[in-house]
ModelCIF file with pLDDT and N, C-alpha, C, O atoms, coordinates in Angstrom:
data_MODEL
#
_entry.id   MODEL 
#
_entity.id                         1 
_entity.type                       polymer 
_entity.pdbx_number_of_molecules   1 
#
_entity_poly.entity_id                      1 
_entity_poly.type                           'polypeptide(L)' 
_entity_poly.nstd_linkage                   no 
_entity_poly.nstd_monomer                   no 
_entity_poly.pdbx_seq_one_letter_code       SFLRLRPDVAVITSVAPDHLDIYGTFEAVREAFGQFAGLVKPGGHIV 
_entity_poly.pdbx_seq_one_letter_code_can   SFLRLRPDVAVITSVAPDHLDIYGTFEAVREAFGQFAGLVKPGGHIV 
_entity_poly.pdbx_strand_id                 A 
#
loop_
_entity_poly_seq.entity_id 
_entity_poly_seq.num 
_entity_poly_seq.mon_id 
_entity_poly_seq.hetero 
1 1  SER n 
1 2  PHE n 
1 3  LEU n 
1 4  ARG n 
1 5  LEU n 
1 6  ARG n 
1 7  PRO n 
1 8  ASP n 
1 9  VAL n 
1 10 ALA n 
1 11 VAL n 
1 12 ILE n 
1 13 THR n 
1 14 SER n 
1 15 VAL n 
1 16 ALA n 
1 17 PRO n 
1 18 ASP n 
1 19 HIS n 
1 20 LEU n 
1 21 ASP n 
1 22 ILE n 
1 23 TYR n 
1 24 GLY n 
1 25 THR n 
1 26 PHE n 
1 27 GLU n 
1 28 ALA n 
1 29 VAL n 
1 30 ARG n 
1 31 GLU n 
1 32 ALA n 
1 33 PHE n 
1 34 GLY n 
1 35 GLN n 
1 36 PHE n 
1 37 ALA n 
1 38 GLY n 
1 39 LEU n 
1 40 VAL n 
1 41 LYS n 
1 42 PRO n 
1 43 GLY n 
1 44 GLY n 
1 45 HIS n 
1 46 ILE n 
1 47 VAL n 
#
_struct_asym.id          A 
_struct_asym.entity_id   1 
#
loop_
_ma_qa_metric.id 
_ma_qa_metric.mode 
_ma_qa_metric.name 
_ma_qa_metric.software_group_id 
_ma_qa_metric.type 
1 global pLDDT . pLDDT 
2 local  pLDDT . pLDDT 
#
_ma_qa_metric_global.metric_id      1 
_ma_qa_metric_global.metric_value   88.89 
_ma_qa_metric_global.model_id       1 
_ma_qa_metric_global.ordinal_id     1 
#
loop_
_ma_qa_metric_local.label_asym_id 
_ma_qa_metric_local.label_comp_id 
_ma_qa_metric_local.label_seq_id 
_ma_qa_metric_local.metric_id 
_ma_qa_metric_local.metric_value 
_ma_qa_metric_local.model_id 
_ma_qa_metric_local.ordinal_id 
A SER 1  2 79.00 1 1  
A PHE 2  2 85.00 1 2  
A LEU 3  2 87.00 1 3  
A ARG 4  2 85.00 1 4  
A LEU 5  2 89.00 1 5  
A ARG 6  2 93.00 1 6  
A PRO 7  2 96.00 1 7  
A ASP 8  2 97.00 1 8  
A VAL 9  2 98.00 1 9  
A ALA 10 2 97.00 1 10 
A VAL 11 2 97.00 1 11 
A ILE 12 2 96.00 1 12 
A THR 13 2 94.00 1 13 
A SER 14 2 89.00 1 14 
A VAL 15 2 90.00 1 15 
A ALA 16 2 78.00 1 16 
A PRO 17 2 72.00 1 17 
A ASP 18 2 71.00 1 18 
A HIS 19 2 67.00 1 19 
A LEU 20 2 69.00 1 20 
A ASP 21 2 71.00 1 21 
A ILE 22 2 75.00 1 22 
A TYR 23 2 78.00 1 23 
A GLY 24 2 82.00 1 24 
A THR 25 2 90.00 1 25 
A PHE 26 2 83.00 1 26 
A GLU 27 2 89.00 1 27 
A ALA 28 2 90.00 1 28 
A VAL 29 2 88.00 1 29 
A ARG 30 2 91.00 1 30 
A GLU 31 2 93.00 1 31 
A ALA 32 2 91.00 1 32 
A PHE 33 2 92.00 1 33 
A GLY 34 2 93.00 1 34 
A GLN 35 2 93.00 1 35 
A PHE 36 2 93.00 1 36 
A ALA 37 2 95.00 1 37 
A GLY 38 2 95.00 1 38 
A LEU 39 2 95.00 1 39 
A VAL 40 2 96.00 1 40 
A LYS 41 2 96.00 1 41 
A PRO 42 2 95.00 1 42 
A GLY 43 2 95.00 1 43 
A GLY 44 2 97.00 1 44 
A HIS 45 2 98.00 1 45 
A ILE 46 2 97.00 1 46 
A VAL 47 2 98.00 1 47 
#
loop_
_atom_site.group_PDB 
_atom_site.id 
_atom_site.type_symbol 
_atom_site.label_atom_id 
_atom_site.label_alt_id 
_atom_site.label_comp_id 
_atom_site.label_asym_id 
_atom_site.label_entity_id 
_atom_site.label_seq_id 
_atom_site.pdbx_PDB_ins_code 
_atom_site.Cartn_x 
_atom_site.Cartn_y 
_atom_site.Cartn_z 
_atom_site.occupancy 
_atom_site.B_iso_or_equiv 
_atom_site.pdbx_formal_charge 
_atom_site.auth_seq_id 
_atom_site.auth_comp_id 
_atom_site.auth_asym_id 
_atom_site.auth_atom_id 
_atom_site.pdbx_PDB_model_num 
ATOM 1   N N  . SER A 1 1  ? -8.363 3.205   0.730   1.00 79.00 ? 1  SER A N  1 
ATOM 2   C CA . SER A 1 1  ? -8.952 3.354   -0.602  1.00 79.00 ? 1  SER A CA 1 
ATOM 3   C C  . SER A 1 1  ? -8.090 2.737   -1.690  1.00 79.00 ? 1  SER A C  1 
ATOM 4   O O  . SER A 1 1  ? -8.615 2.222   -2.677  1.00 79.00 ? 1  SER A O  1 
ATOM 5   N N  . PHE A 1 2  ? -6.756 2.782   -1.524  1.00 85.00 ? 2  PHE A N  1 
ATOM 6   C CA . PHE A 1 2  ? -5.884 2.288   -2.597  1.00 85.00 ? 2  PHE A CA 1 
ATOM 7   C C  . PHE A 1 2  ? -5.970 0.789   -2.804  1.00 85.00 ? 2  PHE A C  1 
ATOM 8   O O  . PHE A 1 2  ? -5.436 0.269   -3.784  1.00 85.00 ? 2  PHE A O  1 
ATOM 9   N N  . LEU A 1 3  ? -6.630 0.090   -1.901  1.00 87.00 ? 3  LEU A N  1 
ATOM 10  C CA . LEU A 1 3  ? -6.744 -1.354  -2.051  1.00 87.00 ? 3  LEU A CA 1 
ATOM 11  C C  . LEU A 1 3  ? -7.820 -1.752  -3.071  1.00 87.00 ? 3  LEU A C  1 
ATOM 12  O O  . LEU A 1 3  ? -8.074 -2.939  -3.277  1.00 87.00 ? 3  LEU A O  1 
ATOM 13  N N  . ARG A 1 4  ? -8.446 -0.763  -3.703  1.00 85.00 ? 4  ARG A N  1 
ATOM 14  C CA . ARG A 1 4  ? -9.414 -1.022  -4.776  1.00 85.00 ? 4  ARG A CA 1 
ATOM 15  C C  . ARG A 1 4  ? -8.751 -1.071  -6.152  1.00 85.00 ? 4  ARG A C  1 
ATOM 16  O O  . ARG A 1 4  ? -9.407 -1.391  -7.142  1.00 85.00 ? 4  ARG A O  1 
ATOM 17  N N  . LEU A 1 5  ? -7.469 -0.759  -6.221  1.00 89.00 ? 5  LEU A N  1 
ATOM 18  C CA . LEU A 1 5  ? -6.778 -0.685  -7.503  1.00 89.00 ? 5  LEU A CA 1 
ATOM 19  C C  . LEU A 1 5  ? -5.985 -1.958  -7.781  1.00 89.00 ? 5  LEU A C  1 
ATOM 20  O O  . LEU A 1 5  ? -5.565 -2.662  -6.863  1.00 89.00 ? 5  LEU A O  1 
ATOM 21  N N  . ARG A 1 6  ? -5.790 -2.238  -9.072  1.00 93.00 ? 6  ARG A N  1 
ATOM 22  C CA . ARG A 1 6  ? -4.911 -3.329  -9.501  1.00 93.00 ? 6  ARG A CA 1 
ATOM 23  C C  . ARG A 1 6  ? -3.872 -2.731  -10.448 1.00 93.00 ? 6  ARG A C  1 
ATOM 24  O O  . ARG A 1 6  ? -4.064 -2.741  -11.664 1.00 93.00 ? 6  ARG A O  1 
ATOM 25  N N  . PRO A 1 7  ? -2.782 -2.216  -9.901  1.00 96.00 ? 7  PRO A N  1 
ATOM 26  C CA . PRO A 1 7  ? -1.808 -1.522  -10.758 1.00 96.00 ? 7  PRO A CA 1 
ATOM 27  C C  . PRO A 1 7  ? -0.976 -2.479  -11.610 1.00 96.00 ? 7  PRO A C  1 
ATOM 28  O O  . PRO A 1 7  ? -0.777 -3.643  -11.264 1.00 96.00 ? 7  PRO A O  1 
ATOM 29  N N  . ASP A 1 8  ? -0.503 -1.951  -12.721 1.00 97.00 ? 8  ASP A N  1 
ATOM 30  C CA . ASP A 1 8  ? 0.545  -2.613  -13.495 1.00 97.00 ? 8  ASP A CA 1 
ATOM 31  C C  . ASP A 1 8  ? 1.919  -2.157  -12.992 1.00 97.00 ? 8  ASP A C  1 
ATOM 32  O O  . ASP A 1 8  ? 2.865  -2.942  -12.931 1.00 97.00 ? 8  ASP A O  1 
ATOM 33  N N  . VAL A 1 9  ? 2.005  -0.888  -12.639 1.00 98.00 ? 9  VAL A N  1 
ATOM 34  C CA . VAL A 1 9  ? 3.198  -0.324  -12.002 1.00 98.00 ? 9  VAL A CA 1 
ATOM 35  C C  . VAL A 1 9  ? 2.744  0.393   -10.740 1.00 98.00 ? 9  VAL A C  1 
ATOM 36  O O  . VAL A 1 9  ? 1.866  1.254   -10.792 1.00 98.00 ? 9  VAL A O  1 
ATOM 37  N N  . ALA A 1 10 ? 3.331  0.045   -9.626  1.00 97.00 ? 10 ALA A N  1 
ATOM 38  C CA . ALA A 1 10 ? 3.023  0.716   -8.362  1.00 97.00 ? 10 ALA A CA 1 
ATOM 39  C C  . ALA A 1 10 ? 4.275  1.415   -7.856  1.00 97.00 ? 10 ALA A C  1 
ATOM 40  O O  . ALA A 1 10 ? 5.320  0.785   -7.693  1.00 97.00 ? 10 ALA A O  1 
ATOM 41  N N  . VAL A 1 11 ? 4.171  2.711   -7.609  1.00 97.00 ? 11 VAL A N  1 
ATOM 42  C CA . VAL A 1 11 ? 5.250  3.473   -6.997  1.00 97.00 ? 11 VAL A CA 1 
ATOM 43  C C  . VAL A 1 11 ? 4.850  3.754   -5.553  1.00 97.00 ? 11 VAL A C  1 
ATOM 44  O O  . VAL A 1 11 ? 3.734  4.202   -5.289  1.00 97.00 ? 11 VAL A O  1 
ATOM 45  N N  . ILE A 1 12 ? 5.763  3.491   -4.620  1.00 96.00 ? 12 ILE A N  1 
ATOM 46  C CA . ILE A 1 12 ? 5.512  3.782   -3.199  1.00 96.00 ? 12 ILE A CA 1 
ATOM 47  C C  . ILE A 1 12 ? 6.593  4.747   -2.743  1.00 96.00 ? 12 ILE A C  1 
ATOM 48  O O  . ILE A 1 12 ? 7.764  4.385   -2.628  1.00 96.00 ? 12 ILE A O  1 
ATOM 49  N N  . THR A 1 13 ? 6.177  5.987   -2.483  1.00 94.00 ? 13 THR A N  1 
ATOM 50  C CA . THR A 1 13 ? 7.135  7.057   -2.206  1.00 94.00 ? 13 THR A CA 1 
ATOM 51  C C  . THR A 1 13 ? 7.536  7.143   -0.745  1.00 94.00 ? 13 THR A C  1 
ATOM 52  O O  . THR A 1 13 ? 8.625  7.626   -0.434  1.00 94.00 ? 13 THR A O  1 
ATOM 53  N N  . SER A 1 14 ? 6.684  6.686   0.155   1.00 89.00 ? 14 SER A N  1 
ATOM 54  C CA . SER A 1 14 ? 6.948  6.826   1.589   1.00 89.00 ? 14 SER A CA 1 
ATOM 55  C C  . SER A 1 14 ? 5.897  6.043   2.361   1.00 89.00 ? 14 SER A C  1 
ATOM 56  O O  . SER A 1 14 ? 4.763  5.885   1.907   1.00 89.00 ? 14 SER A O  1 
ATOM 57  N N  . VAL A 1 15 ? 6.285  5.558   3.526   1.00 90.00 ? 15 VAL A N  1 
ATOM 58  C CA . VAL A 1 15 ? 5.337  4.917   4.442   1.00 90.00 ? 15 VAL A CA 1 
ATOM 59  C C  . VAL A 1 15 ? 5.664  5.421   5.841   1.00 90.00 ? 15 VAL A C  1 
ATOM 60  O O  . VAL A 1 15 ? 6.681  5.051   6.427   1.00 90.00 ? 15 VAL A O  1 
ATOM 61  N N  . ALA A 1 16 ? 4.789  6.268   6.365   1.00 78.00 ? 16 ALA A N  1 
ATOM 62  C CA . ALA A 1 16 ? 5.014  6.880   7.669   1.00 78.00 ? 16 ALA A CA 1 
ATOM 63  C C  . ALA A 1 16 ? 3.716  6.825   8.472   1.00 78.00 ? 16 ALA A C  1 
ATOM 64  O O  . ALA A 1 16 ? 2.648  6.619   7.897   1.00 78.00 ? 16 ALA A O  1 
ATOM 65  N N  . PRO A 1 17 ? 3.791  7.006   9.790   1.00 72.00 ? 17 PRO A N  1 
ATOM 66  C CA . PRO A 1 17 ? 2.562  6.999   10.592  1.00 72.00 ? 17 PRO A CA 1 
ATOM 67  C C  . PRO A 1 17 ? 1.644  8.149   10.190  1.00 72.00 ? 17 PRO A C  1 
ATOM 68  O O  . PRO A 1 17 ? 2.013  9.314   10.344  1.00 72.00 ? 17 PRO A O  1 
ATOM 69  N N  . ASP A 1 18 ? 0.473  7.844   9.686   1.00 71.00 ? 18 ASP A N  1 
ATOM 70  C CA . ASP A 1 18 ? -0.514 8.858   9.334   1.00 71.00 ? 18 ASP A CA 1 
ATOM 71  C C  . ASP A 1 18 ? -1.876 8.181   9.287   1.00 71.00 ? 18 ASP A C  1 
ATOM 72  O O  . ASP A 1 18 ? -1.976 6.957   9.196   1.00 71.00 ? 18 ASP A O  1 
ATOM 73  N N  . HIS A 1 19 ? -2.921 8.998   9.352   1.00 67.00 ? 19 HIS A N  1 
ATOM 74  C CA . HIS A 1 19 ? -4.297 8.496   9.382   1.00 67.00 ? 19 HIS A CA 1 
ATOM 75  C C  . HIS A 1 19 ? -4.469 7.442   10.484  1.00 67.00 ? 19 HIS A C  1 
ATOM 76  O O  . HIS A 1 19 ? -5.139 6.426   10.299  1.00 67.00 ? 19 HIS A O  1 
ATOM 77  N N  . LEU A 1 20 ? -3.853 7.714   11.614  1.00 69.00 ? 20 LEU A N  1 
ATOM 78  C CA . LEU A 1 20 ? -3.950 6.744   12.713  1.00 69.00 ? 20 LEU A CA 1 
ATOM 79  C C  . LEU A 1 20 ? -5.354 6.684   13.297  1.00 69.00 ? 20 LEU A C  1 
ATOM 80  O O  . LEU A 1 20 ? -5.682 5.746   14.023  1.00 69.00 ? 20 LEU A O  1 
ATOM 81  N N  . ASP A 1 21 ? -6.195 7.683   12.985  1.00 71.00 ? 21 ASP A N  1 
ATOM 82  C CA . ASP A 1 21 ? -7.600 7.587   13.371  1.00 71.00 ? 21 ASP A CA 1 
ATOM 83  C C  . ASP A 1 21 ? -8.298 6.476   12.603  1.00 71.00 ? 21 ASP A C  1 
ATOM 84  O O  . ASP A 1 21 ? -9.317 5.952   13.054  1.00 71.00 ? 21 ASP A O  1 
ATOM 85  N N  . ILE A 1 22 ? -7.752 6.112   11.433  1.00 75.00 ? 22 ILE A N  1 
ATOM 86  C CA . ILE A 1 22 ? -8.293 5.019   10.625  1.00 75.00 ? 22 ILE A CA 1 
ATOM 87  C C  . ILE A 1 22 ? -7.580 3.704   10.938  1.00 75.00 ? 22 ILE A C  1 
ATOM 88  O O  . ILE A 1 22 ? -8.218 2.670   11.135  1.00 75.00 ? 22 ILE A O  1 
ATOM 89  N N  . TYR A 1 23 ? -6.243 3.761   10.980  1.00 78.00 ? 23 TYR A N  1 
ATOM 90  C CA . TYR A 1 23 ? -5.450 2.531   11.083  1.00 78.00 ? 23 TYR A CA 1 
ATOM 91  C C  . TYR A 1 23 ? -5.158 2.094   12.511  1.00 78.00 ? 23 TYR A C  1 
ATOM 92  O O  . TYR A 1 23 ? -4.996 0.902   12.774  1.00 78.00 ? 23 TYR A O  1 
ATOM 93  N N  . GLY A 1 24 ? -5.090 3.034   13.422  1.00 82.00 ? 24 GLY A N  1 
ATOM 94  C CA . GLY A 1 24 ? -4.798 2.687   14.807  1.00 82.00 ? 24 GLY A CA 1 
ATOM 95  C C  . GLY A 1 24 ? -3.329 2.674   15.141  1.00 82.00 ? 24 GLY A C  1 
ATOM 96  O O  . GLY A 1 24 ? -2.914 3.299   16.117  1.00 82.00 ? 24 GLY A O  1 
ATOM 97  N N  . THR A 1 25 ? -2.519 1.966   14.344  1.00 90.00 ? 25 THR A N  1 
ATOM 98  C CA . THR A 1 25 ? -1.087 1.836   14.614  1.00 90.00 ? 25 THR A CA 1 
ATOM 99  C C  . THR A 1 25 ? -0.289 1.998   13.316  1.00 90.00 ? 25 THR A C  1 
ATOM 100 O O  . THR A 1 25 ? -0.816 1.822   12.217  1.00 90.00 ? 25 THR A O  1 
ATOM 101 N N  . PHE A 1 26 ? 0.982  2.336   13.471  1.00 83.00 ? 26 PHE A N  1 
ATOM 102 C CA . PHE A 1 26 ? 1.864  2.423   12.312  1.00 83.00 ? 26 PHE A CA 1 
ATOM 103 C C  . PHE A 1 26 ? 2.016  1.055   11.655  1.00 83.00 ? 26 PHE A C  1 
ATOM 104 O O  . PHE A 1 26 ? 2.119  0.964   10.432  1.00 83.00 ? 26 PHE A O  1 
ATOM 105 N N  . GLU A 1 27 ? 2.030  0.008   12.445  1.00 89.00 ? 27 GLU A N  1 
ATOM 106 C CA . GLU A 1 27 ? 2.154  -1.333  11.880  1.00 89.00 ? 27 GLU A CA 1 
ATOM 107 C C  . GLU A 1 27 ? 0.987  -1.641  10.946  1.00 89.00 ? 27 GLU A C  1 
ATOM 108 O O  . GLU A 1 27 ? 1.168  -2.294  9.918   1.00 89.00 ? 27 GLU A O  1 
ATOM 109 N N  . ALA A 1 28 ? -0.206 -1.175  11.300  1.00 90.00 ? 28 ALA A N  1 
ATOM 110 C CA . ALA A 1 28 ? -1.361 -1.388  10.434  1.00 90.00 ? 28 ALA A CA 1 
ATOM 111 C C  . ALA A 1 28 ? -1.221 -0.593  9.131   1.00 90.00 ? 28 ALA A C  1 
ATOM 112 O O  . ALA A 1 28 ? -1.663 -1.050  8.077   1.00 90.00 ? 28 ALA A O  1 
ATOM 113 N N  . VAL A 1 29 ? -0.608 0.594   9.200   1.00 88.00 ? 29 VAL A N  1 
ATOM 114 C CA . VAL A 1 29 ? -0.326 1.367   7.994   1.00 88.00 ? 29 VAL A CA 1 
ATOM 115 C C  . VAL A 1 29 ? 0.622  0.574   7.093   1.00 88.00 ? 29 VAL A C  1 
ATOM 116 O O  . VAL A 1 29 ? 0.386  0.443   5.892   1.00 88.00 ? 29 VAL A O  1 
ATOM 117 N N  . ARG A 1 30 ? 1.691  0.051   7.682   1.00 91.00 ? 30 ARG A N  1 
ATOM 118 C CA . ARG A 1 30 ? 2.673  -0.717  6.908   1.00 91.00 ? 30 ARG A CA 1 
ATOM 119 C C  . ARG A 1 30 ? 2.023  -1.953  6.283   1.00 91.00 ? 30 ARG A C  1 
ATOM 120 O O  . ARG A 1 30 ? 2.317  -2.304  5.140   1.00 91.00 ? 30 ARG A O  1 
ATOM 121 N N  . GLU A 1 31 ? 1.156  -2.598  7.023   1.00 93.00 ? 31 GLU A N  1 
ATOM 122 C CA . GLU A 1 31 ? 0.470  -3.778  6.493   1.00 93.00 ? 31 GLU A CA 1 
ATOM 123 C C  . GLU A 1 31 ? -0.392 -3.414  5.283   1.00 93.00 ? 31 GLU A C  1 
ATOM 124 O O  . GLU A 1 31 ? -0.436 -4.157  4.302   1.00 93.00 ? 31 GLU A O  1 
ATOM 125 N N  . ALA A 1 32 ? -1.075 -2.272  5.356   1.00 91.00 ? 32 ALA A N  1 
ATOM 126 C CA . ALA A 1 32 ? -1.925 -1.853  4.240   1.00 91.00 ? 32 ALA A CA 1 
ATOM 127 C C  . ALA A 1 32 ? -1.090 -1.571  2.993   1.00 91.00 ? 32 ALA A C  1 
ATOM 128 O O  . ALA A 1 32 ? -1.494 -1.922  1.884   1.00 91.00 ? 32 ALA A O  1 
ATOM 129 N N  . PHE A 1 33 ? 0.066  -0.942  3.168   1.00 92.00 ? 33 PHE A N  1 
ATOM 130 C CA . PHE A 1 33 ? 0.926  -0.692  2.008   1.00 92.00 ? 33 PHE A CA 1 
ATOM 131 C C  . PHE A 1 33 ? 1.464  -2.009  1.447   1.00 92.00 ? 33 PHE A C  1 
ATOM 132 O O  . PHE A 1 33 ? 1.647  -2.140  0.237   1.00 92.00 ? 33 PHE A O  1 
ATOM 133 N N  . GLY A 1 34 ? 1.716  -2.976  2.320   1.00 93.00 ? 34 GLY A N  1 
ATOM 134 C CA . GLY A 1 34 ? 2.112  -4.297  1.842   1.00 93.00 ? 34 GLY A CA 1 
ATOM 135 C C  . GLY A 1 34 ? 1.000  -4.951  1.038   1.00 93.00 ? 34 GLY A C  1 
ATOM 136 O O  . GLY A 1 34 ? 1.257  -5.609  0.030   1.00 93.00 ? 34 GLY A O  1 
ATOM 137 N N  . GLN A 1 35 ? -0.246 -4.768  1.491   1.00 93.00 ? 35 GLN A N  1 
ATOM 138 C CA . GLN A 1 35 ? -1.382 -5.300  0.735   1.00 93.00 ? 35 GLN A CA 1 
ATOM 139 C C  . GLN A 1 35 ? -1.500 -4.613  -0.622  1.00 93.00 ? 35 GLN A C  1 
ATOM 140 O O  . GLN A 1 35 ? -1.802 -5.258  -1.627  1.00 93.00 ? 35 GLN A O  1 
ATOM 141 N N  . PHE A 1 36 ? -1.263 -3.307  -0.646  1.00 93.00 ? 36 PHE A N  1 
ATOM 142 C CA . PHE A 1 36 ? -1.293 -2.577  -1.923  1.00 93.00 ? 36 PHE A CA 1 
ATOM 143 C C  . PHE A 1 36 ? -0.246 -3.133  -2.884  1.00 93.00 ? 36 PHE A C  1 
ATOM 144 O O  . PHE A 1 36 ? -0.528 -3.351  -4.063  1.00 93.00 ? 36 PHE A O  1 
ATOM 145 N N  . ALA A 1 37 ? 0.961  -3.361  -2.372  1.00 95.00 ? 37 ALA A N  1 
ATOM 146 C CA . ALA A 1 37 ? 2.015  -3.938  -3.220  1.00 95.00 ? 37 ALA A CA 1 
ATOM 147 C C  . ALA A 1 37 ? 1.596  -5.309  -3.749  1.00 95.00 ? 37 ALA A C  1 
ATOM 148 O O  . ALA A 1 37 ? 1.933  -5.681  -4.873  1.00 95.00 ? 37 ALA A O  1 
ATOM 149 N N  . GLY A 1 38 ? 0.858  -6.053  -2.923  1.00 95.00 ? 38 GLY A N  1 
ATOM 150 C CA . GLY A 1 38 ? 0.410  -7.377  -3.338  1.00 95.00 ? 38 GLY A CA 1 
ATOM 151 C C  . GLY A 1 38 ? -0.665 -7.366  -4.400  1.00 95.00 ? 38 GLY A C  1 
ATOM 152 O O  . GLY A 1 38 ? -0.974 -8.412  -4.970  1.00 95.00 ? 38 GLY A O  1 
ATOM 153 N N  . LEU A 1 39 ? -1.246 -6.208  -4.683  1.00 95.00 ? 39 LEU A N  1 
ATOM 154 C CA . LEU A 1 39 ? -2.285 -6.093  -5.703  1.00 95.00 ? 39 LEU A CA 1 
ATOM 155 C C  . LEU A 1 39 ? -1.725 -5.824  -7.098  1.00 95.00 ? 39 LEU A C  1 
ATOM 156 O O  . LEU A 1 39 ? -2.475 -5.802  -8.074  1.00 95.00 ? 39 LEU A O  1 
ATOM 157 N N  . VAL A 1 40 ? -0.403 -5.618  -7.196  1.00 96.00 ? 40 VAL A N  1 
ATOM 158 C CA . VAL A 1 40 ? 0.201  -5.406  -8.514  1.00 96.00 ? 40 VAL A CA 1 
ATOM 159 C C  . VAL A 1 40 ? -0.012 -6.653  -9.372  1.00 96.00 ? 40 VAL A C  1 
ATOM 160 O O  . VAL A 1 40 ? 0.175  -7.780  -8.914  1.00 96.00 ? 40 VAL A O  1 
ATOM 161 N N  . LYS A 1 41 ? -0.401 -6.427  -10.610 1.00 96.00 ? 41 LYS A N  1 
ATOM 162 C CA . LYS A 1 41 ? -0.724 -7.546  -11.492 1.00 96.00 ? 41 LYS A CA 1 
ATOM 163 C C  . LYS A 1 41 ? 0.507  -8.412  -11.767 1.00 96.00 ? 41 LYS A C  1 
ATOM 164 O O  . LYS A 1 41 ? 1.624  -7.895  -11.779 1.00 96.00 ? 41 LYS A O  1 
ATOM 165 N N  . PRO A 1 42 ? 0.327  -9.709  -11.986 1.00 95.00 ? 42 PRO A N  1 
ATOM 166 C CA . PRO A 1 42 ? 1.458  -10.570 -12.350 1.00 95.00 ? 42 PRO A CA 1 
ATOM 167 C C  . PRO A 1 42 ? 2.198  -10.009 -13.559 1.00 95.00 ? 42 PRO A C  1 
ATOM 168 O O  . PRO A 1 42 ? 1.590  -9.599  -14.547 1.00 95.00 ? 42 PRO A O  1 
ATOM 169 N N  . GLY A 1 43 ? 3.521  -10.003 -13.455 1.00 95.00 ? 43 GLY A N  1 
ATOM 170 C CA . GLY A 1 43 ? 4.342  -9.421  -14.506 1.00 95.00 ? 43 GLY A CA 1 
ATOM 171 C C  . GLY A 1 43 ? 4.530  -7.930  -14.370 1.00 95.00 ? 43 GLY A C  1 
ATOM 172 O O  . GLY A 1 43 ? 5.188  -7.307  -15.203 1.00 95.00 ? 43 GLY A O  1 
ATOM 173 N N  . GLY A 1 44 ? 3.954  -7.345  -13.320 1.00 97.00 ? 44 GLY A N  1 
ATOM 174 C CA . GLY A 1 44 ? 4.054  -5.911  -13.112 1.00 97.00 ? 44 GLY A CA 1 
ATOM 175 C C  . GLY A 1 44 ? 5.310  -5.505  -12.382 1.00 97.00 ? 44 GLY A C  1 
ATOM 176 O O  . GLY A 1 44 ? 6.215  -6.314  -12.181 1.00 97.00 ? 44 GLY A O  1 
ATOM 177 N N  . HIS A 1 45 ? 5.361  -4.246  -11.985 1.00 98.00 ? 45 HIS A N  1 
ATOM 178 C CA . HIS A 1 45 ? 6.559  -3.677  -11.375 1.00 98.00 ? 45 HIS A CA 1 
ATOM 179 C C  . HIS A 1 45 ? 6.188  -2.882  -10.123 1.00 98.00 ? 45 HIS A C  1 
ATOM 180 O O  . HIS A 1 45 ? 5.147  -2.226  -10.077 1.00 98.00 ? 45 HIS A O  1 
ATOM 181 N N  . ILE A 1 46 ? 7.044  -2.950  -9.118  1.00 97.00 ? 46 ILE A N  1 
ATOM 182 C CA . ILE A 1 46 ? 6.933  -2.126  -7.913  1.00 97.00 ? 46 ILE A CA 1 
ATOM 183 C C  . ILE A 1 46 ? 8.183  -1.256  -7.834  1.00 97.00 ? 46 ILE A C  1 
ATOM 184 O O  . ILE A 1 46 ? 9.305  -1.761  -7.883  1.00 97.00 ? 46 ILE A O  1 
ATOM 185 N N  . VAL A 1 47 ? 7.981  0.051   -7.713  1.00 98.00 ? 47 VAL A N  1 
ATOM 186 C CA . VAL A 1 47 ? 9.080  1.009   -7.571  1.00 98.00 ? 47 VAL A CA 1 
ATOM 187 C C  . VAL A 1 47 ? 8.984  1.572   -6.155  1.00 98.00 ? 47 VAL A C  1 
ATOM 188 O O  . VAL A 1 47 ? 9.799  2.409   -5.767  1.00 98.00 ? 47 VAL A O  1 
#
């Protein structure tokens, strides 16, 4: 769901194996969080 947002500031507190019924693997979870980070607007910040 978070891939629908375009943040100016994105905070990522943790990335752990969860919702594996949706993602299948932990690597897919990590990839999704990487995609979320990639949605930060130009000139924005990632914490």
